Amino acid sequence: MTSTGVYLCGCIMFFCVFSQGATSSPPAVSAADSSAVRELAHSLKARVGMAAEMLDTGETVMVGDEAAYPMQSVVKFVLALSVLKRVDQGAMNLEQIIRIRPEQLVKDTWSPLRERFPQGGDFSLKELLRVTVQESDNNTCDLLFGLIGGPQAVQKDLKEWGIDGINVRFTEEEIHRNHDLQYVNSSRPSAMNSLLRAFDEGKILKKGTQSVLWNIMAGCSTGPERLKGQLPRDYVVAHKTGSGFTLPGGGVTARNDVGIIVLPNGRKMAVSVFIRDSKDSESACDRVIASMARWLCLEWLGAGGR
């Protein structure tokens, strides 16, 4: 197993970036208090990275944030932000109709839309966004990449938004042709949390498009056993999953879930969990992700979310 260290991000520089105008550092969870989440990370034969941040106070806890992790379909959240940015600018419209031809629907890839409409058809941009994020369709993902100028356009947006530590270089089709490329489309957990915070604070999208994406993510149909798997029903989870390829001899190259958890008292927590090159099963990875979310919400913060 690759060792993962715990990095407690309560430094003044970090806090000033994400809670403008503050004069002191937010409390970070102590190494002793974080032992449970470290044990969860070490329970897998994998590299595990997790970052959690309370969006109102900046309190943070991190594990394994020194490494970059393959995003897999988590990239679809980043892509959706880029698409909706263009909607806000007037370059695209959520109700515009996009025609998909049968030859655009690659067969050897995850594509719920292709299963329902093997001959393609006419779809609104909003529906393609929904299928891409909520159902994690790889074909519609690459169609959206094509509409905005490819992965390089998304990378340019990330730079504009001031987000470091997320790399978007390849399409789903390119990664499926060469599995090694999945490690280039990567993110550090804290970098993804920075993007989640910017999204939540309205620094990227206008209120209308922000609401559209929030509702899509809150209805995510993939990964029900990950971040939300062990949380009570009154916790809202707006999230995007990512799943890798099967490794020779078993295991998986990536098992991820990132999103914003809304506690019953209305407080919000950004959480990004990435698991890389696990020799354990997908279900074992899912249990660790779910257990981390439960620890964060019910142990770190307490059952009432403070």
C-alpha atoms as a PDB file:
ATOM      1  CA  MET A   1       0.000   0.000   0.000  1.00  0.00           C
ATOM      2  CA  THR A   2       1.230   3.486  -0.771  1.00  0.00           C
ATOM      3  CA  SER A   3       1.361   5.556   2.397  1.00  0.00           C
ATOM      4  CA  THR A   4      -0.871   8.575   2.719  1.00  0.00           C
ATOM      5  CA  GLY A   5      -0.104  11.421   5.042  1.00  0.00           C
ATOM      6  CA  VAL A   6      -2.534  13.717   6.722  1.00  0.00           C
ATOM      7  CA  TYR A   7      -2.099  17.346   5.883  1.00  0.00           C
ATOM      8  CA  LEU A   8      -3.892  19.781   8.162  1.00  0.00           C
ATOM      9  CA  CYS A   9      -4.643  22.854   6.104  1.00  0.00           C
ATOM     10  CA  GLY A  10      -5.264  25.604   8.575  1.00  0.00           C
ATOM     11  CA  CYS A  11      -2.537  27.969   7.414  1.00  0.00           C
ATOM     12  CA  ILE A  12      -3.280  31.657   7.029  1.00  0.00           C
ATOM     13  CA  MET A  13      -2.396  31.740   3.322  1.00  0.00           C
ATOM     14  CA  PHE A  14      -4.864  28.962   2.485  1.00  0.00           C
ATOM     15  CA  PHE A  15      -7.610  30.524   4.578  1.00  0.00           C
ATOM     16  CA  CYS A  16      -7.180  33.961   3.071  1.00  0.00           C
ATOM     17  CA  VAL A  17      -7.655  32.584  -0.421  1.00  0.00           C
ATOM     18  CA  PHE A  18     -10.951  30.909   0.390  1.00  0.00           C
ATOM     19  CA  SER A  19     -12.495  33.149   3.076  1.00  0.00           C
ATOM     20  CA  GLN A  20     -11.664  36.627   1.977  1.00  0.00           C
ATOM     21  CA  GLY A  21     -11.203  39.236   4.630  1.00  0.00           C
ATOM     22  CA  ALA A  22     -10.465  36.803   7.482  1.00  0.00           C
ATOM     23  CA  THR A  23      -7.838  37.769  10.021  1.00  0.00           C
ATOM     24  CA  SER A  24      -7.094  34.374  11.585  1.00  0.00           C
ATOM     25  CA  SER A  25      -6.735  30.778  10.493  1.00  0.00           C
ATOM     26  CA  PRO A  26      -9.705  28.418  10.761  1.00  0.00           C
ATOM     27  CA  PRO A  27      -9.349  25.495  13.132  1.00  0.00           C
ATOM     28  CA  ALA A  28      -8.140  22.347  11.404  1.00  0.00           C
ATOM     29  CA  VAL A  29      -8.860  18.887  12.724  1.00  0.00           C
ATOM     30  CA  SER A  30      -6.012  17.585  14.882  1.00  0.00           C
ATOM     31  CA  ALA A  31      -3.940  14.556  13.970  1.00  0.00           C
ATOM     32  CA  ALA A  32      -5.367  12.709  16.958  1.00  0.00           C
ATOM     33  CA  ASP A  33      -8.952  13.498  16.033  1.00  0.00           C
ATOM     34  CA  SER A  34      -8.357  12.495  12.418  1.00  0.00           C
ATOM     35  CA  SER A  35      -7.027   9.046  13.270  1.00  0.00           C
ATOM     36  CA  ALA A  36     -10.289   7.387  12.225  1.00  0.00           C
ATOM     37  CA  VAL A  37     -10.212   8.844   8.731  1.00  0.00           C
ATOM     38  CA  ARG A  38      -6.524   7.986   8.383  1.00  0.00           C
ATOM     39  CA  GLU A  39      -7.291   4.413   9.370  1.00  0.00           C
ATOM     40  CA  LEU A  40      -9.986   4.270   6.697  1.00  0.00           C
ATOM     41  CA  ALA A  41      -7.516   5.493   4.087  1.00  0.00           C
ATOM     42  CA  HIS A  42      -4.982   2.874   5.158  1.00  0.00           C
ATOM     43  CA  SER A  43      -7.560   0.075   5.156  1.00  0.00           C
ATOM     44  CA  LEU A  44      -7.318  -0.180   1.362  1.00  0.00           C
ATOM     45  CA  LYS A  45      -4.434  -1.464  -0.708  1.00  0.00           C
ATOM     46  CA  ALA A  46      -4.530   1.774  -2.669  1.00  0.00           C
ATOM     47  CA  ARG A  47      -3.540   5.402  -2.694  1.00  0.00           C
ATOM     48  CA  VAL A  48      -6.339   7.377  -1.077  1.00  0.00           C
ATOM     49  CA  GLY A  49      -6.836  11.135  -1.115  1.00  0.00           C
ATOM     50  CA  MET A  50      -9.569  13.024   0.696  1.00  0.00           C
ATOM     51  CA  ALA A  51     -10.218  16.699   1.350  1.00  0.00           C
ATOM     52  CA  ALA A  52     -13.127  18.123   3.305  1.00  0.00           C
ATOM     53  CA  GLU A  53     -13.854  21.759   4.042  1.00  0.00           C
ATOM     54  CA  MET A  54     -16.695  23.486   5.841  1.00  0.00           C
ATOM     55  CA  LEU A  55     -17.694  26.224   3.421  1.00  0.00           C
ATOM     56  CA  ASP A  56     -18.765  28.678   6.131  1.00  0.00           C
ATOM     57  CA  THR A  57     -15.728  28.492   8.430  1.00  0.00           C
ATOM     58  CA  GLY A  58     -12.939  26.991   6.329  1.00  0.00           C
ATOM     59  CA  GLU A  59     -12.332  24.139   8.785  1.00  0.00           C
ATOM     60  CA  THR A  60     -10.508  21.427   6.893  1.00  0.00           C
ATOM     61  CA  VAL A  61      -9.208  17.896   7.054  1.00  0.00           C
ATOM     62  CA  MET A  62      -7.096  16.241   4.365  1.00  0.00           C
ATOM     63  CA  VAL A  63      -5.546  12.864   3.689  1.00  0.00           C
ATOM     64  CA  GLY A  64      -3.162  12.106   0.823  1.00  0.00           C
ATOM     65  CA  ASP A  65      -3.463  15.527  -0.771  1.00  0.00           C
ATOM     66  CA  GLU A  66       0.174  15.516  -1.855  1.00  0.00           C
ATOM     67  CA  ALA A  67      -0.702  13.357  -4.872  1.00  0.00           C
ATOM     68  CA  ALA A  68      -2.735  13.801  -8.053  1.00  0.00           C
ATOM     69  CA  TYR A  69      -5.459  11.253  -8.770  1.00  0.00           C
ATOM     70  CA  PRO A  70      -7.128  10.217 -12.036  1.00  0.00           C
ATOM     71  CA  MET A  71     -10.491  11.989 -12.154  1.00  0.00           C
ATOM     72  CA  GLN A  72     -12.224   9.670 -14.595  1.00  0.00           C
ATOM     73  CA  SER A  73     -15.836  10.922 -14.828  1.00  0.00           C
ATOM     74  CA  VAL A  74     -15.378  13.573 -12.143  1.00  0.00           C
ATOM     75  CA  VAL A  75     -14.117  15.603 -15.112  1.00  0.00           C
ATOM     76  CA  LYS A  76     -17.743  15.869 -16.247  1.00  0.00           C
ATOM     77  CA  PHE A  77     -18.451  18.265 -13.371  1.00  0.00           C
ATOM     78  CA  VAL A  78     -15.599  20.479 -14.557  1.00  0.00           C
ATOM     79  CA  LEU A  79     -16.838  20.225 -18.152  1.00  0.00           C
ATOM     80  CA  ALA A  80     -20.373  21.177 -17.100  1.00  0.00           C
ATOM     81  CA  LEU A  81     -19.056  24.371 -15.520  1.00  0.00           C
ATOM     82  CA  SER A  82     -17.338  25.287 -18.783  1.00  0.00           C
ATOM     83  CA  VAL A  83     -20.465  24.600 -20.825  1.00  0.00           C
ATOM     84  CA  LEU A  84     -22.676  26.631 -18.493  1.00  0.00           C
ATOM     85  CA  LYS A  85     -20.162  29.476 -18.482  1.00  0.00           C
ATOM     86  CA  ARG A  86     -20.808  29.750 -22.225  1.00  0.00           C
ATOM     87  CA  VAL A  87     -24.545  29.707 -21.592  1.00  0.00           C
ATOM     88  CA  ASP A  88     -24.086  32.656 -19.232  1.00  0.00           C
ATOM     89  CA  GLN A  89     -22.073  34.445 -21.914  1.00  0.00           C
ATOM     90  CA  GLY A  90     -24.801  33.913 -24.518  1.00  0.00           C
ATOM     91  CA  ALA A  91     -22.656  31.684 -26.732  1.00  0.00           C
ATOM     92  CA  MET A  92     -24.893  28.694 -25.990  1.00  0.00           C
ATOM     93  CA  ASN A  93     -28.483  28.156 -24.872  1.00  0.00           C
ATOM     94  CA  LEU A  94     -29.819  25.437 -22.612  1.00  0.00           C
ATOM     95  CA  GLU A  95     -32.790  24.930 -24.917  1.00  0.00           C
ATOM     96  CA  GLN A  96     -30.787  24.781 -28.139  1.00  0.00           C
ATOM     97  CA  ILE A  97     -31.262  21.514 -30.000  1.00  0.00           C
ATOM     98  CA  ILE A  98     -28.268  19.355 -30.822  1.00  0.00           C
ATOM     99  CA  ARG A  99     -28.575  16.541 -33.341  1.00  0.00           C
ATOM    100  CA  ILE A 100     -26.673  13.353 -32.531  1.00  0.00           C
ATOM    101  CA  ARG A 101     -25.964  10.948 -35.379  1.00  0.00           C
ATOM    102  CA  PRO A 102     -25.693   7.169 -34.850  1.00  0.00           C
ATOM    103  CA  GLU A 103     -21.995   7.162 -35.752  1.00  0.00           C
ATOM    104  CA  GLN A 104     -21.302   9.621 -32.916  1.00  0.00           C
ATOM    105  CA  LEU A 105     -22.473   7.070 -30.363  1.00  0.00           C
ATOM    106  CA  VAL A 106     -19.377   4.990 -29.683  1.00  0.00           C
ATOM    107  CA  LYS A 107     -20.356   1.440 -28.771  1.00  0.00           C
ATOM    108  CA  ASP A 108     -17.604   0.246 -26.434  1.00  0.00           C
ATOM    109  CA  THR A 109     -18.187   2.792 -23.682  1.00  0.00           C
ATOM    110  CA  TRP A 110     -20.680   3.653 -20.939  1.00  0.00           C
ATOM    111  CA  SER A 111     -23.567   5.455 -22.640  1.00  0.00           C
ATOM    112  CA  PRO A 112     -27.122   5.289 -21.242  1.00  0.00           C
ATOM    113  CA  LEU A 113     -28.278   7.668 -23.996  1.00  0.00           C
ATOM    114  CA  ARG A 114     -27.012   5.286 -26.688  1.00  0.00           C
ATOM    115  CA  GLU A 115     -28.882   2.424 -25.025  1.00  0.00           C
ATOM    116  CA  ARG A 116     -32.125   4.407 -25.120  1.00  0.00           C
ATOM    117  CA  PHE A 117     -31.580   6.027 -28.513  1.00  0.00           C
ATOM    118  CA  PRO A 118     -29.208   3.839 -30.587  1.00  0.00           C
ATOM    119  CA  GLN A 119     -30.068   5.831 -33.716  1.00  0.00           C
ATOM    120  CA  GLY A 120     -29.348   9.140 -32.041  1.00  0.00           C
ATOM    121  CA  GLY A 121     -31.803  12.013 -32.259  1.00  0.00           C
ATOM    122  CA  ASP A 122     -32.370  15.642 -31.336  1.00  0.00           C
ATOM    123  CA  PHE A 123     -31.651  16.688 -27.757  1.00  0.00           C
ATOM    124  CA  SER A 124     -31.551  19.962 -25.851  1.00  0.00           C
ATOM    125  CA  LEU A 125     -28.242  21.114 -24.429  1.00  0.00           C
ATOM    126  CA  LYS A 126     -29.786  20.904 -20.957  1.00  0.00           C
ATOM    127  CA  GLU A 127     -30.674  17.239 -21.491  1.00  0.00           C
ATOM    128  CA  LEU A 128     -27.169  16.439 -22.713  1.00  0.00           C
ATOM    129  CA  LEU A 129     -25.747  18.107 -19.609  1.00  0.00           C
ATOM    130  CA  ARG A 130     -28.098  16.101 -17.413  1.00  0.00           C
ATOM    131  CA  VAL A 131     -27.190  12.786 -19.033  1.00  0.00           C
ATOM    132  CA  THR A 132     -23.478  13.638 -18.894  1.00  0.00           C
ATOM    133  CA  VAL A 133     -23.381  14.561 -15.205  1.00  0.00           C
ATOM    134  CA  GLN A 134     -26.291  12.657 -13.695  1.00  0.00           C
ATOM    135  CA  GLU A 135     -25.865   9.407 -15.640  1.00  0.00           C
ATOM    136  CA  SER A 136     -22.152   9.852 -16.502  1.00  0.00           C
ATOM    137  CA  ASP A 137     -22.603   9.230 -20.228  1.00  0.00           C
ATOM    138  CA  ASN A 138     -19.232   9.133 -22.000  1.00  0.00           C
ATOM    139  CA  ASN A 139     -20.582   9.820 -25.485  1.00  0.00           C
ATOM    140  CA  THR A 140     -22.459  12.957 -24.483  1.00  0.00           C
ATOM    141  CA  CYS A 141     -19.398  14.056 -22.502  1.00  0.00           C
ATOM    142  CA  ASP A 142     -17.257  14.020 -25.626  1.00  0.00           C
ATOM    143  CA  LEU A 143     -19.988  15.712 -27.657  1.00  0.00           C
ATOM    144  CA  LEU A 144     -19.988  18.559 -25.130  1.00  0.00           C
ATOM    145  CA  PHE A 145     -16.199  18.731 -25.253  1.00  0.00           C
ATOM    146  CA  GLY A 146     -16.500  19.139 -29.024  1.00  0.00           C
ATOM    147  CA  LEU A 147     -19.050  21.936 -28.717  1.00  0.00           C
ATOM    148  CA  ILE A 148     -16.789  24.136 -26.585  1.00  0.00           C
ATOM    149  CA  GLY A 149     -13.403  23.482 -28.203  1.00  0.00           C
ATOM    150  CA  GLY A 150     -12.120  20.361 -26.460  1.00  0.00           C
ATOM    151  CA  PRO A 151     -10.345  19.703 -23.151  1.00  0.00           C
ATOM    152  CA  GLN A 152      -7.992  22.630 -23.762  1.00  0.00           C
ATOM    153  CA  ALA A 153     -10.958  25.001 -23.479  1.00  0.00           C
ATOM    154  CA  VAL A 154     -11.797  23.576 -20.059  1.00  0.00           C
ATOM    155  CA  GLN A 155      -8.174  23.893 -18.952  1.00  0.00           C
ATOM    156  CA  LYS A 156      -8.197  27.528 -20.029  1.00  0.00           C
ATOM    157  CA  ASP A 157     -11.325  28.105 -17.949  1.00  0.00           C
ATOM    158  CA  LEU A 158      -9.700  26.555 -14.885  1.00  0.00           C
ATOM    159  CA  LYS A 159      -6.807  28.978 -15.235  1.00  0.00           C
ATOM    160  CA  GLU A 160      -9.240  31.876 -15.573  1.00  0.00           C
ATOM    161  CA  TRP A 161     -11.008  30.740 -12.394  1.00  0.00           C
ATOM    162  CA  GLY A 162      -7.709  30.569 -10.509  1.00  0.00           C
ATOM    163  CA  ILE A 163      -7.839  26.815  -9.942  1.00  0.00           C
ATOM    164  CA  ASP A 164      -4.491  25.020  -9.782  1.00  0.00           C
ATOM    165  CA  GLY A 165      -4.055  21.275  -9.402  1.00  0.00           C
ATOM    166  CA  ILE A 166      -6.704  20.081 -11.893  1.00  0.00           C
ATOM    167  CA  ASN A 167      -5.573  18.883 -15.324  1.00  0.00           C
ATOM    168  CA  VAL A 168      -8.018  18.295 -18.185  1.00  0.00           C
ATOM    169  CA  ARG A 169      -6.186  17.131 -21.313  1.00  0.00           C
ATOM    170  CA  PHE A 170      -8.056  14.249 -22.925  1.00  0.00           C
ATOM    171  CA  THR A 171     -11.549  13.156 -23.944  1.00  0.00           C
ATOM    172  CA  GLU A 172     -13.257   9.978 -22.766  1.00  0.00           C
ATOM    173  CA  GLU A 173     -12.655   8.342 -26.143  1.00  0.00           C
ATOM    174  CA  GLU A 174      -8.933   9.120 -25.991  1.00  0.00           C
ATOM    175  CA  ILE A 175      -8.669   7.668 -22.494  1.00  0.00           C
ATOM    176  CA  HIS A 176     -10.545   4.537 -23.523  1.00  0.00           C
ATOM    177  CA  ARG A 177      -8.076   4.045 -26.382  1.00  0.00           C
ATOM    178  CA  ASN A 178      -5.075   4.508 -24.083  1.00  0.00           C
ATOM    179  CA  HIS A 179      -5.757   3.820 -20.421  1.00  0.00           C
ATOM    180  CA  ASP A 180      -2.507   5.465 -19.333  1.00  0.00           C
ATOM    181  CA  LEU A 181      -3.992   8.845 -20.251  1.00  0.00           C
ATOM    182  CA  GLN A 182      -6.422   8.615 -17.330  1.00  0.00           C
ATOM    183  CA  TYR A 183      -3.529   9.557 -15.034  1.00  0.00           C
ATOM    184  CA  VAL A 184      -3.062  12.827 -16.925  1.00  0.00           C
ATOM    185  CA  ASN A 185      -6.692  13.915 -16.466  1.00  0.00           C
ATOM    186  CA  SER A 186      -6.077  14.336 -12.759  1.00  0.00           C
ATOM    187  CA  SER A 187      -6.793  16.359  -9.653  1.00  0.00           C
ATOM    188  CA  ARG A 188      -5.633  16.834  -6.107  1.00  0.00           C
ATOM    189  CA  PRO A 189      -8.501  16.561  -3.613  1.00  0.00           C
ATOM    190  CA  SER A 190      -7.969  20.101  -2.304  1.00  0.00           C
ATOM    191  CA  ALA A 191      -7.977  21.495  -5.851  1.00  0.00           C
ATOM    192  CA  MET A 192     -11.356  19.919  -6.532  1.00  0.00           C
ATOM    193  CA  ASN A 193     -12.642  21.377  -3.277  1.00  0.00           C
ATOM    194  CA  SER A 194     -11.466  24.802  -4.427  1.00  0.00           C
ATOM    195  CA  LEU A 195     -13.568  24.378  -7.553  1.00  0.00           C
ATOM    196  CA  LEU A 196     -16.567  23.160  -5.544  1.00  0.00           C
ATOM    197  CA  ARG A 197     -16.262  26.217  -3.295  1.00  0.00           C
ATOM    198  CA  ALA A 198     -16.065  28.603  -6.256  1.00  0.00           C
ATOM    199  CA  PHE A 199     -19.125  26.918  -7.769  1.00  0.00           C
ATOM    200  CA  ASP A 200     -21.092  27.166  -4.512  1.00  0.00           C
ATOM    201  CA  GLU A 201     -20.141  30.798  -3.922  1.00  0.00           C
ATOM    202  CA  GLY A 202     -21.369  31.851  -7.367  1.00  0.00           C
ATOM    203  CA  LYS A 203     -17.912  32.850  -8.578  1.00  0.00           C
ATOM    204  CA  ILE A 204     -18.197  30.806 -11.778  1.00  0.00           C
ATOM    205  CA  LEU A 205     -21.861  30.746 -12.827  1.00  0.00           C
ATOM    206  CA  LYS A 206     -24.866  33.017 -12.623  1.00  0.00           C
ATOM    207  CA  LYS A 207     -27.675  32.006 -10.259  1.00  0.00           C
ATOM    208  CA  GLY A 208     -29.807  30.388 -12.947  1.00  0.00           C
ATOM    209  CA  THR A 209     -27.129  28.133 -14.392  1.00  0.00           C
ATOM    210  CA  GLN A 210     -25.720  27.455 -10.936  1.00  0.00           C
ATOM    211  CA  SER A 211     -29.145  26.173  -9.890  1.00  0.00           C
ATOM    212  CA  VAL A 212     -29.406  23.992 -13.003  1.00  0.00           C
ATOM    213  CA  LEU A 213     -26.107  22.253 -12.258  1.00  0.00           C
ATOM    214  CA  TRP A 214     -26.828  21.963  -8.542  1.00  0.00           C
ATOM    215  CA  ASN A 215     -30.127  20.187  -9.227  1.00  0.00           C
ATOM    216  CA  ILE A 216     -28.477  17.870 -11.750  1.00  0.00           C
ATOM    217  CA  MET A 217     -25.763  16.920  -9.248  1.00  0.00           C
ATOM    218  CA  ALA A 218     -28.259  16.464  -6.424  1.00  0.00           C
ATOM    219  CA  GLY A 219     -30.029  13.929  -8.645  1.00  0.00           C
ATOM    220  CA  CYS A 220     -26.863  12.020  -9.575  1.00  0.00           C
ATOM    221  CA  SER A 221     -27.826   8.387 -10.192  1.00  0.00           C
ATOM    222  CA  THR A 222     -24.326   6.893 -10.087  1.00  0.00           C
ATOM    223  CA  GLY A 223     -22.457   5.882  -6.935  1.00  0.00           C
ATOM    224  CA  PRO A 224     -25.335   5.705  -4.431  1.00  0.00           C
ATOM    225  CA  GLU A 225     -23.074   3.726  -2.087  1.00  0.00           C
ATOM    226  CA  ARG A 226     -20.277   6.311  -2.043  1.00  0.00           C
ATOM    227  CA  LEU A 227     -20.553   9.753  -0.387  1.00  0.00           C
ATOM    228  CA  LYS A 228     -24.238   9.374   0.406  1.00  0.00           C
ATOM    229  CA  GLY A 229     -24.123   5.643   1.160  1.00  0.00           C
ATOM    230  CA  GLN A 230     -24.100   5.849   4.967  1.00  0.00           C
ATOM    231  CA  LEU A 231     -25.643   9.279   5.526  1.00  0.00           C
ATOM    232  CA  PRO A 232     -29.143   9.821   6.930  1.00  0.00           C
ATOM    233  CA  ARG A 233     -31.833  10.766   4.424  1.00  0.00           C
ATOM    234  CA  ASP A 234     -31.974  14.394   5.590  1.00  0.00           C
ATOM    235  CA  TYR A 235     -28.450  15.032   4.262  1.00  0.00           C
ATOM    236  CA  VAL A 236     -28.447  16.383   0.695  1.00  0.00           C
ATOM    237  CA  VAL A 237     -25.507  15.348  -1.491  1.00  0.00           C
ATOM    238  CA  ALA A 238     -24.877  17.152  -4.803  1.00  0.00           C
ATOM    239  CA  HIS A 239     -22.041  15.141  -6.305  1.00  0.00           C
ATOM    240  CA  LYS A 240     -20.221  13.615  -9.273  1.00  0.00           C
ATOM    241  CA  THR A 241     -18.631  10.199  -9.303  1.00  0.00           C
ATOM    242  CA  GLY A 242     -15.717   8.786 -11.248  1.00  0.00           C
ATOM    243  CA  SER A 243     -14.928   5.119 -11.910  1.00  0.00           C
ATOM    244  CA  GLY A 244     -11.802   3.620 -13.422  1.00  0.00           C
ATOM    245  CA  PHE A 245     -10.834   0.508 -15.325  1.00  0.00           C
ATOM    246  CA  THR A 246     -10.383  -2.976 -13.904  1.00  0.00           C
ATOM    247  CA  LEU A 247      -6.772  -3.769 -13.037  1.00  0.00           C
ATOM    248  CA  PRO A 248      -5.107  -7.045 -14.071  1.00  0.00           C
ATOM    249  CA  GLY A 249      -5.724  -9.494 -11.256  1.00  0.00           C
ATOM    250  CA  GLY A 250      -8.593  -7.457  -9.851  1.00  0.00           C
ATOM    251  CA  GLY A 251      -9.017  -4.044  -8.342  1.00  0.00           C
ATOM    252  CA  VAL A 252      -9.674  -0.751 -10.061  1.00  0.00           C
ATOM    253  CA  THR A 253      -7.623   2.197 -11.324  1.00  0.00           C
ATOM    254  CA  ALA A 254      -9.939   4.818  -9.807  1.00  0.00           C
ATOM    255  CA  ARG A 255     -12.968   5.080  -7.547  1.00  0.00           C
ATOM    256  CA  ASN A 256     -14.009   8.650  -6.784  1.00  0.00           C
ATOM    257  CA  ASP A 257     -16.797  10.862  -5.535  1.00  0.00           C
ATOM    258  CA  VAL A 258     -16.760  14.645  -5.101  1.00  0.00           C
ATOM    259  CA  GLY A 259     -19.471  17.057  -4.114  1.00  0.00           C
ATOM    260  CA  ILE A 260     -21.148  19.285  -1.576  1.00  0.00           C
ATOM    261  CA  ILE A 261     -22.984  17.820   1.396  1.00  0.00           C
ATOM    262  CA  VAL A 262     -25.755  19.959   2.898  1.00  0.00           C
ATOM    263  CA  LEU A 263     -26.290  19.165   6.564  1.00  0.00           C
ATOM    264  CA  PRO A 264     -29.768  19.244   8.159  1.00  0.00           C
ATOM    265  CA  ASN A 265     -28.945  22.618   9.752  1.00  0.00           C
ATOM    266  CA  GLY A 266     -28.089  24.090   6.340  1.00  0.00           C
ATOM    267  CA  ARG A 267     -24.304  24.113   6.704  1.00  0.00           C
ATOM    268  CA  LYS A 268     -22.348  22.944   3.666  1.00  0.00           C
ATOM    269  CA  MET A 269     -19.258  20.796   3.371  1.00  0.00           C
ATOM    270  CA  ALA A 270     -17.179  20.293   0.213  1.00  0.00           C
ATOM    271  CA  VAL A 271     -15.811  16.749   0.062  1.00  0.00           C
ATOM    272  CA  SER A 272     -13.546  15.162  -2.547  1.00  0.00           C
ATOM    273  CA  VAL A 273     -12.484  11.529  -2.216  1.00  0.00           C
ATOM    274  CA  PHE A 274     -10.178   9.913  -4.778  1.00  0.00           C
ATOM    275  CA  ILE A 275      -8.940   6.318  -4.706  1.00  0.00           C
ATOM    276  CA  ARG A 276      -6.146   5.363  -7.083  1.00  0.00           C
ATOM    277  CA  ASP A 277      -4.925   1.932  -8.207  1.00  0.00           C
ATOM    278  CA  SER A 278      -6.810  -0.079  -5.615  1.00  0.00           C
ATOM    279  CA  LYS A 279      -6.162  -3.790  -5.332  1.00  0.00           C
ATOM    280  CA  ASP A 280      -9.419  -4.045  -3.405  1.00  0.00           C
ATOM    281  CA  SER A 281     -12.869  -4.413  -4.937  1.00  0.00           C
ATOM    282  CA  GLU A 282     -15.083  -1.572  -6.101  1.00  0.00           C
ATOM    283  CA  SER A 283     -17.500  -2.285  -3.253  1.00  0.00           C
ATOM    284  CA  ALA A 284     -14.666  -2.095  -0.710  1.00  0.00           C
ATOM    285  CA  CYS A 285     -13.654   1.291  -2.125  1.00  0.00           C
ATOM    286  CA  ASP A 286     -17.258   2.480  -1.991  1.00  0.00           C
ATOM    287  CA  ARG A 287     -17.517   1.496   1.676  1.00  0.00           C
ATOM    288  CA  VAL A 288     -14.421   3.518   2.511  1.00  0.00           C
ATOM    289  CA  ILE A 289     -15.779   6.589   0.697  1.00  0.00           C
ATOM    290  CA  ALA A 290     -19.112   6.227   2.498  1.00  0.00           C
ATOM    291  CA  SER A 291     -17.423   5.698   5.861  1.00  0.00           C
ATOM    292  CA  MET A 292     -15.316   8.813   5.370  1.00  0.00           C
ATOM    293  CA  ALA A 293     -18.408  10.892   4.619  1.00  0.00           C
ATOM    294  CA  ARG A 294     -20.169   9.460   7.661  1.00  0.00           C
ATOM    295  CA  TRP A 295     -17.178  10.203   9.894  1.00  0.00           C
ATOM    296  CA  LEU A 296     -16.989  13.769   8.606  1.00  0.00           C
ATOM    297  CA  CYS A 297     -20.687  14.468   9.100  1.00  0.00           C
ATOM    298  CA  LEU A 298     -21.498  12.493  12.226  1.00  0.00           C
ATOM    299  CA  GLU A 299     -18.194  12.275  14.120  1.00  0.00           C
ATOM    300  CA  TRP A 300     -16.084  15.286  13.141  1.00  0.00           C
ATOM    301  CA  LEU A 301     -19.032  17.659  13.181  1.00  0.00           C
ATOM    302  CA  GLY A 302     -21.281  15.633  15.466  1.00  0.00           C
ATOM    303  CA  ALA A 303     -24.765  14.324  14.703  1.00  0.00           C
ATOM    304  CA  GLY A 304     -26.214  17.836  14.711  1.00  0.00           C
ATOM    305  CA  GLY A 305     -23.573  19.253  12.405  1.00  0.00           C
ATOM    306  CA  ARG A 306     -22.711  21.717  15.181  1.00  0.00           C
END
